Full PDB file with SEQRES, HELIX, SHEET, SSBOND, CRYST1, ORIGX, SCALE, CONECT and MASTER records, all heavy atoms in Angstrom:
SEQRES   1 A   45  LEU VAL SER LYS ILE VAL LYS LYS HIS GLY GLY PHE GLY          
SEQRES   2 A   45  VAL GLY LYS GLY PRO GLY VAL LEU TYR ASP GLN LYS LYS          
SEQRES   3 A   45  PHE ASP THR PRO TYR LEU ARG ASP PHE PHE LEU ASP HIS          
SEQRES   4 A   45  GLY GLY ALA ALA ASP VAL                                      
HELIX    1 AA1 VAL A    2  LYS A    8  1                                   7    
HELIX    2 AA2 GLY A   17  LYS A   25  1                                   9    
HELIX    3 AA3 PRO A   30  ASP A   38  1                                   9    
CRYST1    1.000    1.000    1.000  90.00  90.00  90.00 P 1           1          
ORIGX1      1.000000  0.000000  0.000000        0.00000                         
ORIGX2      0.000000  1.000000  0.000000        0.00000                         
ORIGX3      0.000000  0.000000  1.000000        0.00000                         
SCALE1      1.000000  0.000000  0.000000        0.00000                         
SCALE2      0.000000  1.000000  0.000000        0.00000                         
SCALE3      0.000000  0.000000  1.000000        0.00000                         
ATOM      1  N   LEU A   1       0.834  -1.206   0.000  1.00  0.00           N  
ATOM      2  CA  LEU A   1       0.000   0.000   0.000  1.00  0.00           C  
ATOM      3  C   LEU A   1       0.867   1.254   0.000  1.00  0.00           C  
ATOM      4  O   LEU A   1       0.622   2.201  -0.761  1.00  0.00           O  
ATOM      5  CB  LEU A   1      -0.909   0.003   1.235  1.00  0.00           C  
ATOM      6  CG  LEU A   1      -2.086  -0.972   1.244  1.00  0.00           C  
ATOM      7  CD1 LEU A   1      -2.748  -1.001   2.624  1.00  0.00           C  
ATOM      8  CD2 LEU A   1      -3.115  -0.577   0.187  1.00  0.00           C  
ATOM      9  N   VAL A   2       1.886   1.260   0.848  1.00  0.00           N  
ATOM     10  CA  VAL A   2       2.755   2.431   0.953  1.00  0.00           C  
ATOM     11  C   VAL A   2       3.571   2.619  -0.324  1.00  0.00           C  
ATOM     12  O   VAL A   2       3.755   3.754  -0.795  1.00  0.00           O  
ATOM     13  CB  VAL A   2       3.676   2.302   2.184  1.00  0.00           C  
ATOM     14  CG1 VAL A   2       4.787   3.355   2.143  1.00  0.00           C  
ATOM     15  CG2 VAL A   2       2.862   2.443   3.468  1.00  0.00           C  
ATOM     16  N   SER A   3       4.050   1.537  -0.889  1.00  0.00           N  
ATOM     17  CA  SER A   3       4.858   1.643  -2.118  1.00  0.00           C  
ATOM     18  C   SER A   3       4.074   2.317  -3.235  1.00  0.00           C  
ATOM     19  O   SER A   3       4.620   3.125  -3.997  1.00  0.00           O  
ATOM     20  CB  SER A   3       5.318   0.252  -2.564  1.00  0.00           C  
ATOM     21  OG  SER A   3       6.249  -0.285  -1.650  1.00  0.00           O  
ATOM     22  N   LYS A   4       2.799   2.003  -3.351  1.00  0.00           N  
ATOM     23  CA  LYS A   4       1.963   2.644  -4.368  1.00  0.00           C  
ATOM     24  C   LYS A   4       1.846   4.144  -4.114  1.00  0.00           C  
ATOM     25  O   LYS A   4       1.901   4.947  -5.045  1.00  0.00           O  
ATOM     26  CB  LYS A   4       0.573   2.009  -4.380  1.00  0.00           C  
ATOM     27  CG  LYS A   4       0.539   0.580  -4.923  1.00  0.00           C  
ATOM     28  CD  LYS A   4      -0.888   0.013  -4.885  1.00  0.00           C  
ATOM     29  CE  LYS A   4      -0.917  -1.410  -5.418  1.00  0.00           C  
ATOM     30  NZ  LYS A   4      -2.294  -1.989  -5.342  1.00  0.00           N  
ATOM     31  N   ILE A   5       1.692   4.508  -2.843  1.00  0.00           N  
ATOM     32  CA  ILE A   5       1.574   5.933  -2.502  1.00  0.00           C  
ATOM     33  C   ILE A   5       2.881   6.658  -2.759  1.00  0.00           C  
ATOM     34  O   ILE A   5       2.905   7.773  -3.298  1.00  0.00           O  
ATOM     35  CB  ILE A   5       1.142   6.080  -1.030  1.00  0.00           C  
ATOM     36  CG1 ILE A   5      -0.269   5.520  -0.842  1.00  0.00           C  
ATOM     37  CG2 ILE A   5       1.200   7.537  -0.591  1.00  0.00           C  
ATOM     38  CD1 ILE A   5      -0.710   5.399   0.600  1.00  0.00           C  
ATOM     39  N   VAL A   6       3.992   6.036  -2.367  1.00  0.00           N  
ATOM     40  CA  VAL A   6       5.313   6.639  -2.601  1.00  0.00           C  
ATOM     41  C   VAL A   6       5.526   6.872  -4.094  1.00  0.00           C  
ATOM     42  O   VAL A   6       5.958   7.955  -4.524  1.00  0.00           O  
ATOM     43  CB  VAL A   6       6.420   5.737  -2.022  1.00  0.00           C  
ATOM     44  CG1 VAL A   6       7.801   6.210  -2.498  1.00  0.00           C  
ATOM     45  CG2 VAL A   6       6.360   5.714  -0.501  1.00  0.00           C  
ATOM     46  N   LYS A   7       5.224   5.861  -4.890  1.00  0.00           N  
ATOM     47  CA  LYS A   7       5.387   5.976  -6.348  1.00  0.00           C  
ATOM     48  C   LYS A   7       4.502   7.083  -6.913  1.00  0.00           C  
ATOM     49  O   LYS A   7       4.938   7.860  -7.781  1.00  0.00           O  
ATOM     50  CB  LYS A   7       5.061   4.645  -7.007  1.00  0.00           C  
ATOM     51  CG  LYS A   7       5.303   4.629  -8.512  1.00  0.00           C  
ATOM     52  CD  LYS A   7       5.024   3.239  -9.096  1.00  0.00           C  
ATOM     53  CE  LYS A   7       5.278   3.235 -10.608  1.00  0.00           C  
ATOM     54  NZ  LYS A   7       5.008   1.879 -11.191  1.00  0.00           N  
ATOM     55  N   LYS A   8       3.282   7.181  -6.438  1.00  0.00           N  
ATOM     56  CA  LYS A   8       2.354   8.203  -6.911  1.00  0.00           C  
ATOM     57  C   LYS A   8       2.885   9.609  -6.661  1.00  0.00           C  
ATOM     58  O   LYS A   8       2.605  10.538  -7.426  1.00  0.00           O  
ATOM     59  CB  LYS A   8       1.004   8.025  -6.222  1.00  0.00           C  
ATOM     60  CG  LYS A   8      -0.057   9.018  -6.666  1.00  0.00           C  
ATOM     61  CD  LYS A   8      -1.380   8.757  -5.966  1.00  0.00           C  
ATOM     62  CE  LYS A   8      -2.429   9.789  -6.395  1.00  0.00           C  
ATOM     63  NZ  LYS A   8      -3.728   9.554  -5.707  1.00  0.00           N  
ATOM     64  N   HIS A   9       3.676   9.757  -5.599  1.00  0.00           N  
ATOM     65  CA  HIS A   9       4.218  11.070  -5.258  1.00  0.00           C  
ATOM     66  C   HIS A   9       5.680  11.225  -5.704  1.00  0.00           C  
ATOM     67  O   HIS A   9       6.416  12.069  -5.183  1.00  0.00           O  
ATOM     68  CB  HIS A   9       4.085  11.322  -3.760  1.00  0.00           C  
ATOM     69  CG  HIS A   9       2.666  11.544  -3.329  1.00  0.00           C  
ATOM     70  ND1 HIS A   9       1.799  10.502  -3.065  1.00  0.00           N  
ATOM     71  CD2 HIS A   9       1.942  12.683  -3.173  1.00  0.00           C  
ATOM     72  CE1 HIS A   9       0.615  10.988  -2.729  1.00  0.00           C  
ATOM     73  NE2 HIS A   9       0.673  12.306  -2.794  1.00  0.00           N  
ATOM     74  N   GLY A  10       6.071  10.413  -6.672  1.00  0.00           N  
ATOM     75  CA  GLY A  10       7.369  10.597  -7.315  1.00  0.00           C  
ATOM     76  C   GLY A  10       8.534   9.944  -6.639  1.00  0.00           C  
ATOM     77  O   GLY A  10       9.679  10.106  -7.078  1.00  0.00           O  
ATOM     78  N   GLY A  11       8.301   9.192  -5.561  1.00  0.00           N  
ATOM     79  CA  GLY A  11       9.400   8.573  -4.843  1.00  0.00           C  
ATOM     80  C   GLY A  11       9.636   7.131  -5.231  1.00  0.00           C  
ATOM     81  O   GLY A  11       8.910   6.560  -6.048  1.00  0.00           O  
ATOM     82  N   PHE A  12      10.667   6.529  -4.641  1.00  0.00           N  
ATOM     83  CA  PHE A  12      10.938   5.107  -4.854  1.00  0.00           C  
ATOM     84  C   PHE A  12      11.655   4.543  -3.642  1.00  0.00           C  
ATOM     85  O   PHE A  12      12.299   5.266  -2.876  1.00  0.00           O  
ATOM     86  CB  PHE A  12      11.750   4.873  -6.129  1.00  0.00           C  
ATOM     87  CG  PHE A  12      13.142   5.462  -6.103  1.00  0.00           C  
ATOM     88  CD1 PHE A  12      14.232   4.702  -5.688  1.00  0.00           C  
ATOM     89  CD2 PHE A  12      13.370   6.773  -6.518  1.00  0.00           C  
ATOM     90  CE1 PHE A  12      15.505   5.233  -5.681  1.00  0.00           C  
ATOM     91  CE2 PHE A  12      14.644   7.307  -6.506  1.00  0.00           C  
ATOM     92  CZ  PHE A  12      15.716   6.538  -6.091  1.00  0.00           C  
ATOM     93  N   GLY A  13      11.525   3.230  -3.450  1.00  0.00           N  
ATOM     94  CA  GLY A  13      12.135   2.554  -2.321  1.00  0.00           C  
ATOM     95  C   GLY A  13      13.526   2.060  -2.615  1.00  0.00           C  
ATOM     96  O   GLY A  13      13.862   1.763  -3.770  1.00  0.00           O  
ATOM     97  N   VAL A  14      14.350   1.967  -1.568  1.00  0.00           N  
ATOM     98  CA  VAL A  14      15.724   1.486  -1.715  1.00  0.00           C  
ATOM     99  C   VAL A  14      16.023   0.358  -0.735  1.00  0.00           C  
ATOM    100  O   VAL A  14      17.189   0.065  -0.447  1.00  0.00           O  
ATOM    101  CB  VAL A  14      16.746   2.637  -1.548  1.00  0.00           C  
ATOM    102  CG1 VAL A  14      16.698   3.569  -2.740  1.00  0.00           C  
ATOM    103  CG2 VAL A  14      16.503   3.414  -0.256  1.00  0.00           C  
ATOM    104  N   GLY A  15      14.984  -0.277  -0.197  1.00  0.00           N  
ATOM    105  CA  GLY A  15      15.191  -1.464   0.620  1.00  0.00           C  
ATOM    106  C   GLY A  15      15.253  -1.217   2.109  1.00  0.00           C  
ATOM    107  O   GLY A  15      15.136  -0.087   2.587  1.00  0.00           O  
ATOM    108  N   LYS A  16      15.460  -2.299   2.850  1.00  0.00           N  
ATOM    109  CA  LYS A  16      15.429  -2.213   4.306  1.00  0.00           C  
ATOM    110  C   LYS A  16      16.816  -2.161   4.955  1.00  0.00           C  
ATOM    111  O   LYS A  16      16.914  -1.973   6.170  1.00  0.00           O  
ATOM    112  CB  LYS A  16      14.650  -3.402   4.875  1.00  0.00           C  
ATOM    113  CG  LYS A  16      15.220  -4.769   4.560  1.00  0.00           C  
ATOM    114  CD  LYS A  16      14.300  -5.864   5.091  1.00  0.00           C  
ATOM    115  CE  LYS A  16      14.850  -7.249   4.757  1.00  0.00           C  
ATOM    116  NZ  LYS A  16      13.944  -8.325   5.218  1.00  0.00           N  
ATOM    117  N   GLY A  17      17.886  -2.287   4.175  1.00  0.00           N  
ATOM    118  CA  GLY A  17      19.229  -2.201   4.745  1.00  0.00           C  
ATOM    119  C   GLY A  17      19.471  -0.909   5.498  1.00  0.00           C  
ATOM    120  O   GLY A  17      19.927  -0.925   6.654  1.00  0.00           O  
ATOM    121  N   PRO A  18      19.167   0.248   4.889  1.00  0.00           N  
ATOM    122  CA  PRO A  18      19.348   1.516   5.601  1.00  0.00           C  
ATOM    123  C   PRO A  18      18.466   1.609   6.844  1.00  0.00           C  
ATOM    124  O   PRO A  18      18.842   2.224   7.841  1.00  0.00           O  
ATOM    125  CB  PRO A  18      18.944   2.564   4.564  1.00  0.00           C  
ATOM    126  CG  PRO A  18      19.108   1.881   3.259  1.00  0.00           C  
ATOM    127  CD  PRO A  18      18.757   0.454   3.494  1.00  0.00           C  
ATOM    128  N   GLY A  19      17.278   0.989   6.777  1.00  0.00           N  
ATOM    129  CA  GLY A  19      16.391   1.001   7.926  1.00  0.00           C  
ATOM    130  C   GLY A  19      16.962   0.254   9.107  1.00  0.00           C  
ATOM    131  O   GLY A  19      16.761   0.626  10.264  1.00  0.00           O  
ATOM    132  N   VAL A  20      17.706  -0.817   8.841  1.00  0.00           N  
ATOM    133  CA  VAL A  20      18.358  -1.567   9.908  1.00  0.00           C  
ATOM    134  C   VAL A  20      19.377  -0.679  10.614  1.00  0.00           C  
ATOM    135  O   VAL A  20      19.457  -0.635  11.854  1.00  0.00           O  
ATOM    136  CB  VAL A  20      19.042  -2.832   9.349  1.00  0.00           C  
ATOM    137  CG1 VAL A  20      19.893  -3.504  10.428  1.00  0.00           C  
ATOM    138  CG2 VAL A  20      18.002  -3.805   8.813  1.00  0.00           C  
ATOM    139  N   LEU A  21      20.164   0.066   9.828  1.00  0.00           N  
ATOM    140  CA  LEU A  21      21.159   0.975  10.418  1.00  0.00           C  
ATOM    141  C   LEU A  21      20.485   2.092  11.195  1.00  0.00           C  
ATOM    142  O   LEU A  21      20.931   2.466  12.288  1.00  0.00           O  
ATOM    143  CB  LEU A  21      22.044   1.555   9.316  1.00  0.00           C  
ATOM    144  CG  LEU A  21      22.978   0.561   8.636  1.00  0.00           C  
ATOM    145  CD1 LEU A  21      23.665   1.207   7.448  1.00  0.00           C  
ATOM    146  CD2 LEU A  21      24.009   0.025   9.623  1.00  0.00           C  
ATOM    147  N   TYR A  22      19.408   2.634  10.641  1.00  0.00           N  
ATOM    148  CA  TYR A  22      18.654   3.682  11.341  1.00  0.00           C  
ATOM    149  C   TYR A  22      18.157   3.161  12.685  1.00  0.00           C  
ATOM    150  O   TYR A  22      18.248   3.834  13.719  1.00  0.00           O  
ATOM    151  CB  TYR A  22      17.483   4.139  10.471  1.00  0.00           C  
ATOM    152  CG  TYR A  22      16.426   4.934  11.214  1.00  0.00           C  
ATOM    153  CD1 TYR A  22      16.622   6.281  11.508  1.00  0.00           C  
ATOM    154  CD2 TYR A  22      15.237   4.333  11.621  1.00  0.00           C  
ATOM    155  CE1 TYR A  22      15.660   7.004  12.187  1.00  0.00           C  
ATOM    156  CE2 TYR A  22      14.269   5.040  12.301  1.00  0.00           C  
ATOM    157  CZ  TYR A  22      14.478   6.379  12.581  1.00  0.00           C  
ATOM    158  OH  TYR A  22      13.523   7.084  13.269  1.00  0.00           O  
ATOM    159  N   ASP A  23      17.640   1.949  12.687  1.00  0.00           N  
ATOM    160  CA  ASP A  23      17.112   1.340  13.904  1.00  0.00           C  
ATOM    161  C   ASP A  23      18.208   1.153  14.948  1.00  0.00           C  
ATOM    162  O   ASP A  23      17.976   1.324  16.144  1.00  0.00           O  
ATOM    163  CB  ASP A  23      16.472  -0.003  13.552  1.00  0.00           C  
ATOM    164  CG  ASP A  23      15.288  -0.331  14.444  1.00  0.00           C  
ATOM    165  OD1 ASP A  23      14.682   0.611  14.992  1.00  0.00           O  
ATOM    166  OD2 ASP A  23      14.951  -1.516  14.579  1.00  0.00           O  
ATOM    167  N   GLN A  24      19.398   0.814  14.494  1.00  0.00           N  
ATOM    168  CA  GLN A  24      20.504   0.569  15.415  1.00  0.00           C  
ATOM    169  C   GLN A  24      21.032   1.862  16.031  1.00  0.00           C  
ATOM    170  O   GLN A  24      21.497   1.873  17.172  1.00  0.00           O  
ATOM    171  CB  GLN A  24      21.643  -0.151  14.692  1.00  0.00           C  
ATOM    172  CG  GLN A  24      21.325  -1.581  14.273  1.00  0.00           C  
ATOM    173  CD  GLN A  24      22.402  -2.175  13.381  1.00  0.00           C  
ATOM    174  OE1 GLN A  24      23.280  -1.464  12.865  1.00  0.00           O  
ATOM    175  NE2 GLN A  24      22.358  -3.489  13.196  1.00  0.00           N  
ATOM    176  N   LYS A  25      20.974   2.970  15.272  1.00  0.00           N  
ATOM    177  CA  LYS A  25      21.600   4.222  15.692  1.00  0.00           C  
ATOM    178  C   LYS A  25      20.607   5.282  16.160  1.00  0.00           C  
ATOM    179  O   LYS A  25      21.009   6.402  16.471  1.00  0.00           O  
ATOM    180  CB  LYS A  25      22.418   4.801  14.516  1.00  0.00           C  
ATOM    181  CG  LYS A  25      23.511   3.876  13.997  1.00  0.00           C  
ATOM    182  CD  LYS A  25      24.595   3.647  15.029  1.00  0.00           C  
ATOM    183  CE  LYS A  25      25.736   2.799  14.498  1.00  0.00           C  
ATOM    184  NZ  LYS A  25      26.772   2.542  15.524  1.00  0.00           N  
ATOM    185  N   LYS A  26      19.331   4.932  16.266  1.00  0.00           N  
ATOM    186  CA  LYS A  26      18.305   5.956  16.474  1.00  0.00           C  
ATOM    187  C   LYS A  26      18.413   6.671  17.820  1.00  0.00           C  
ATOM    188  O   LYS A  26      17.902   7.785  17.964  1.00  0.00           O  
ATOM    189  CB  LYS A  26      16.922   5.327  16.332  1.00  0.00           C  
ATOM    190  CG  LYS A  26      16.620   4.218  17.331  1.00  0.00           C  
ATOM    191  CD  LYS A  26      15.328   3.513  16.992  1.00  0.00           C  
ATOM    192  CE  LYS A  26      15.061   2.351  17.957  1.00  0.00           C  
ATOM    193  NZ  LYS A  26      13.862   1.583  17.557  1.00  0.00           N  
ATOM    194  N   PHE A  27      19.060   6.056  18.803  1.00  0.00           N  
ATOM    195  CA  PHE A  27      19.171   6.706  20.102  1.00  0.00           C  
ATOM    196  C   PHE A  27      20.506   7.435  20.290  1.00  0.00           C  
ATOM    197  O   PHE A  27      20.803   7.919  21.381  1.00  0.00           O  
ATOM    198  CB  PHE A  27      19.003   5.684  21.223  1.00  0.00           C  
ATOM    199  CG  PHE A  27      17.698   4.929  21.168  1.00  0.00           C  
ATOM    200  CD1 PHE A  27      17.689   3.544  21.224  1.00  0.00           C  
ATOM    201  CD2 PHE A  27      16.490   5.598  21.041  1.00  0.00           C  
ATOM    202  CE1 PHE A  27      16.498   2.847  21.169  1.00  0.00           C  
ATOM    203  CE2 PHE A  27      15.294   4.912  20.980  1.00  0.00           C  
ATOM    204  CZ  PHE A  27      15.300   3.531  21.041  1.00  0.00           C  
ATOM    205  N   ASP A  28      21.311   7.510  19.235  1.00  0.00           N  
ATOM    206  CA  ASP A  28      22.647   8.099  19.349  1.00  0.00           C  
ATOM    207  C   ASP A  28      22.698   9.584  18.999  1.00  0.00           C  
ATOM    208  O   ASP A  28      23.697  10.247  19.256  1.00  0.00           O  
ATOM    209  CB  ASP A  28      23.631   7.355  18.435  1.00  0.00           C  
ATOM    210  CG  ASP A  28      23.857   5.918  18.876  1.00  0.00           C  
ATOM    211  OD1 ASP A  28      23.505   5.591  20.030  1.00  0.00           O  
ATOM    212  OD2 ASP A  28      24.366   5.123  18.072  1.00  0.00           O  
ATOM    213  N   THR A  29      21.630  10.094  18.406  1.00  0.00           N  
ATOM    214  CA  THR A  29      21.654  11.470  17.900  1.00  0.00           C  
ATOM    215  C   THR A  29      22.043  12.504  18.954  1.00  0.00           C  
ATOM    216  O   THR A  29      22.793  13.445  18.645  1.00  0.00           O  
ATOM    217  CB  THR A  29      20.286  11.831  17.290  1.00  0.00           C  
ATOM    218  OG1 THR A  29      19.970  10.879  16.275  1.00  0.00           O  
ATOM    219  CG2 THR A  29      20.307  13.223  16.680  1.00  0.00           C  
ATOM    220  N   PRO A  30      21.573  12.424  20.212  1.00  0.00           N  
ATOM    221  CA  PRO A  30      21.934  13.469  21.181  1.00  0.00           C  
ATOM    222  C   PRO A  30      23.429  13.639  21.400  1.00  0.00           C  
ATOM    223  O   PRO A  30      23.871  14.721  21.800  1.00  0.00           O  
ATOM    224  CB  PRO A  30      21.239  12.995  22.466  1.00  0.00           C  
ATOM    225  CG  PRO A  30      20.060  12.203  21.988  1.00  0.00           C  
ATOM    226  CD  PRO A  30      20.565  11.490  20.766  1.00  0.00           C  
ATOM    227  N   TYR A  31      24.223  12.587  21.128  1.00  0.00           N  
ATOM    228  CA  TYR A  31      25.669  12.731  21.291  1.00  0.00           C  
ATOM    229  C   TYR A  31      26.260  13.748  20.317  1.00  0.00           C  
ATOM    230  O   TYR A  31      27.317  14.326  20.578  1.00  0.00           O  
ATOM    231  CB  TYR A  31      26.357  11.377  21.081  1.00  0.00           C  
ATOM    232  CG  TYR A  31      26.228  10.413  22.232  1.00  0.00           C  
ATOM    233  CD1 TYR A  31      25.255   9.417  22.216  1.00  0.00           C  
ATOM    234  CD2 TYR A  31      27.079  10.470  23.329  1.00  0.00           C  
ATOM    235  CE1 TYR A  31      25.134   8.511  23.259  1.00  0.00           C  
ATOM    236  CE2 TYR A  31      26.975   9.570  24.381  1.00  0.00           C  
ATOM    237  CZ  TYR A  31      25.992   8.594  24.346  1.00  0.00           C  
ATOM    238  OH  TYR A  31      25.880   7.696  25.381  1.00  0.00           O  
ATOM    239  N   LEU A  32      25.592  13.958  19.184  1.00  0.00           N  
ATOM    240  CA  LEU A  32      26.073  14.932  18.209  1.00  0.00           C  
ATOM    241  C   LEU A  32      26.108  16.344  18.784  1.00  0.00           C  
ATOM    242  O   LEU A  32      26.981  17.146  18.448  1.00  0.00           O  
ATOM    243  CB  LEU A  32      25.184  14.906  16.960  1.00  0.00           C  
ATOM    244  CG  LEU A  32      25.601  13.992  15.823  1.00  0.00           C  
ATOM    245  CD1 LEU A  32      24.478  13.857  14.813  1.00  0.00           C  
ATOM    246  CD2 LEU A  32      26.861  14.516  15.146  1.00  0.00           C  
ATOM    247  N   ARG A  33      25.129  16.669  19.636  1.00  0.00           N  
ATOM    248  CA  ARG A  33      25.078  18.011  20.225  1.00  0.00           C  
ATOM    249  C   ARG A  33      26.296  18.259  21.097  1.00  0.00           C  
ATOM    250  O   ARG A  33      26.909  19.327  21.049  1.00  0.00           O  
ATOM    251  CB  ARG A  33      23.787  18.146  21.037  1.00  0.00           C  
ATOM    252  CG  ARG A  33      23.595  19.498  21.685  1.00  0.00           C  
ATOM    253  CD  ARG A  33      22.311  19.518  22.488  1.00  0.00           C  
ATOM    254  NE  ARG A  33      22.253  18.359  23.371  1.00  0.00           N  
ATOM    255  CZ  ARG A  33      21.119  17.862  23.850  1.00  0.00           C  
ATOM    256  NH1 ARG A  33      19.968  18.383  23.515  1.00  0.00           N  
ATOM    257  NH2 ARG A  33      21.146  16.816  24.661  1.00  0.00           N  
ATOM    258  N   ASP A  34      26.676  17.254  21.894  1.00  0.00           N  
ATOM    259  CA  ASP A  34      27.867  17.391  22.731  1.00  0.00           C  
ATOM    260  C   ASP A  34      29.127  17.521  21.882  1.00  0.00           C  
ATOM    261  O   ASP A  34      30.020  18.314  22.193  1.00  0.00           O  
ATOM    262  CB  ASP A  34      28.009  16.167  23.648  1.00  0.00           C  
ATOM    263  CG  ASP A  34      26.920  16.101  24.701  1.00  0.00           C  
ATOM    264  OD1 ASP A  34      25.744  16.300  24.342  1.00  0.00           O  
ATOM    265  OD2 ASP A  34      27.236  15.841  25.868  1.00  0.00           O  
ATOM    266  N   PHE A  35      29.185  16.722  20.811  1.00  0.00           N  
ATOM    267  CA  PHE A  35      30.341  16.775  19.908  1.00  0.00           C  
ATOM    268  C   PHE A  35      30.499  18.176  19.326  1.00  0.00           C  
ATOM    269  O   PHE A  35      31.601  18.740  19.301  1.00  0.00           O  
ATOM    270  CB  PHE A  35      30.150  15.759  18.782  1.00  0.00           C  
ATOM    271  CG  PHE A  35      31.133  15.891  17.650  1.00  0.00           C  
ATOM    272  CD1 PHE A  35      32.382  15.293  17.725  1.00  0.00           C  
ATOM    273  CD2 PHE A  35      30.812  16.617  16.508  1.00  0.00           C  
ATOM    274  CE1 PHE A  35      33.296  15.412  16.678  1.00  0.00           C  
ATOM    275  CE2 PHE A  35      31.714  16.738  15.459  1.00  0.00           C  
ATOM    276  CZ  PHE A  35      32.961  16.136  15.550  1.00  0.00           C  
ATOM    277  N   PHE A  36      29.408  18.765  18.860  1.00  0.00           N  
ATOM    278  CA  PHE A  36      29.486  20.092  18.252  1.00  0.00           C  
ATOM    279  C   PHE A  36      29.844  21.141  19.292  1.00  0.00           C  
ATOM    280  O   PHE A  36      30.598  22.082  19.004  1.00  0.00           O  
ATOM    281  CB  PHE A  36      28.159  20.420  17.575  1.00  0.00           C  
ATOM    282  CG  PHE A  36      28.226  21.605  16.642  1.00  0.00           C  
ATOM    283  CD1 PHE A  36      29.252  21.738  15.731  1.00  0.00           C  
ATOM    284  CD2 PHE A  36      27.252  22.596  16.690  1.00  0.00           C  
ATOM    285  CE1 PHE A  36      29.332  22.832  14.870  1.00  0.00           C  
ATOM    286  CE2 PHE A  36      27.305  23.688  15.838  1.00  0.00           C  
ATOM    287  CZ  PHE A  36      28.354  23.805  14.932  1.00  0.00           C  
ATOM    288  N   LEU A  37      29.336  20.988  20.512  1.00  0.00           N  
ATOM    289  CA  LEU A  37      29.678  21.920  21.582  1.00  0.00           C  
ATOM    290  C   LEU A  37      31.167  21.844  21.897  1.00  0.00           C  
ATOM    291  O   LEU A  37      31.809  22.868  22.174  1.00  0.00           O  
ATOM    292  CB  LEU A  37      28.847  21.602  22.830  1.00  0.00           C  
ATOM    293  CG  LEU A  37      28.878  22.608  23.980  1.00  0.00           C  
ATOM    294  CD1 LEU A  37      28.431  23.994  23.526  1.00  0.00           C  
ATOM    295  CD2 LEU A  37      27.990  22.131  25.124  1.00  0.00           C  
ATOM    296  N   ASP A  38      31.735  20.644  21.844  1.00  0.00           N  
ATOM    297  CA  ASP A  38      33.179  20.480  22.041  1.00  0.00           C  
ATOM    298  C   ASP A  38      33.990  21.255  21.013  1.00  0.00           C  
ATOM    299  O   ASP A  38      35.138  21.631  21.255  1.00  0.00           O  
ATOM    300  CB  ASP A  38      33.564  18.996  21.946  1.00  0.00           C  
ATOM    301  CG  ASP A  38      33.075  18.175  23.126  1.00  0.00           C  
ATOM    302  OD1 ASP A  38      32.731  18.760  24.156  1.00  0.00           O  
ATOM    303  OD2 ASP A  38      33.040  16.928  22.994  1.00  0.00           O  
ATOM    304  N   HIS A  39      33.388  21.464  19.824  1.00  0.00           N  
ATOM    305  CA  HIS A  39      34.096  22.135  18.733  1.00  0.00           C  
ATOM    306  C   HIS A  39      33.651  23.585  18.539  1.00  0.00           C  
ATOM    307  O   HIS A  39      33.814  24.160  17.461  1.00  0.00           O  
ATOM    308  CB  HIS A  39      33.897  21.355  17.425  1.00  0.00           C  
ATOM    309  CG  HIS A  39      34.606  20.038  17.399  1.00  0.00           C  
ATOM    310  ND1 HIS A  39      34.143  18.917  18.074  1.00  0.00           N  
ATOM    311  CD2 HIS A  39      35.772  19.648  16.797  1.00  0.00           C  
ATOM    312  CE1 HIS A  39      34.979  17.916  17.874  1.00  0.00           C  
ATOM    313  NE2 HIS A  39      35.964  18.317  17.118  1.00  0.00           N  
ATOM    314  N   GLY A  40      33.075  24.175  19.573  1.00  0.00           N  
ATOM    315  CA  GLY A  40      32.740  25.599  19.522  1.00  0.00           C  
ATOM    316  C   GLY A  40      31.383  25.917  18.929  1.00  0.00           C  
ATOM    317  O   GLY A  40      31.111  27.078  18.599  1.00  0.00           O  
ATOM    318  N   GLY A  41      30.530  24.925  18.787  1.00  0.00           N  
ATOM    319  CA  GLY A  41      29.226  25.157  18.190  1.00  0.00           C  
ATOM    320  C   GLY A  41      28.097  24.974  19.179  1.00  0.00           C  
ATOM    321  O   GLY A  41      28.251  24.324  20.219  1.00  0.00           O  
ATOM    322  N   ALA A  42      26.961  25.561  18.865  1.00  0.00           N  
ATOM    323  CA  ALA A  42      25.747  25.372  19.653  1.00  0.00           C  
ATOM    324  C   ALA A  42      24.695  24.738  18.751  1.00  0.00           C  
ATOM    325  O   ALA A  42      24.441  25.232  17.652  1.00  0.00           O  
ATOM    326  CB  ALA A  42      25.241  26.704  20.191  1.00  0.00           C  
ATOM    327  N   ALA A  43      24.102  23.657  19.200  1.00  0.00           N  
ATOM    328  CA  ALA A  43      23.074  22.971  18.425  1.00  0.00           C  
ATOM    329  C   ALA A  43      21.965  22.526  19.360  1.00  0.00           C  
ATOM    330  O   ALA A  43      22.232  22.074  20.476  1.00  0.00           O  
ATOM    331  CB  ALA A  43      23.655  21.768  17.692  1.00  0.00           C  
ATOM    332  N   ASP A  44      20.749  22.670  18.918  1.00  0.00           N  
ATOM    333  CA  ASP A  44      19.619  22.229  19.730  1.00  0.00           C  
ATOM    334  C   ASP A  44      18.436  21.955  18.813  1.00  0.00           C  
ATOM    335  O   ASP A  44      18.551  22.060  17.579  1.00  0.00           O  
ATOM    336  CB  ASP A  44      19.256  23.264  20.787  1.00  0.00           C  
ATOM    337  CG  ASP A  44      18.730  22.619  22.074  1.00  0.00           C  
ATOM    338  OD1 ASP A  44      18.619  21.382  22.122  1.00  0.00           O  
ATOM    339  OD2 ASP A  44      18.431  23.362  23.040  1.00  0.00           O  
ATOM    340  N   VAL A  45      17.299  21.630  19.405  1.00  0.00           N  
ATOM    341  CA  VAL A  45      16.120  21.252  18.630  1.00  0.00           C  
ATOM    342  C   VAL A  45      14.891  22.010  19.115  1.00  0.00           C  
ATOM    343  O   VAL A  45      14.810  22.441  20.266  1.00  0.00           O  
ATOM    344  CB  VAL A  45      15.844  19.740  18.719  1.00  0.00           C  
ATOM    345  CG1 VAL A  45      17.014  18.953  18.153  1.00  0.00           C  
ATOM    346  CG2 VAL A  45      15.560  19.312  20.151  1.00  0.00           C  
TER     347      VAL A  45                                                      
MASTER        0    0    0    3    0    0    0    6  346    1    0    4          
END                                                                             
């Protein structure tokens, strides 16, 4: 069902491999804010 909708709106699928990586790393994003702060930057949401 979703693939038909994606195609209708000009998109296309590239498989579940990237989704596996996303699932594994999804809780790591907040560490990026600390990393950028270490390098003189401010980042927030």
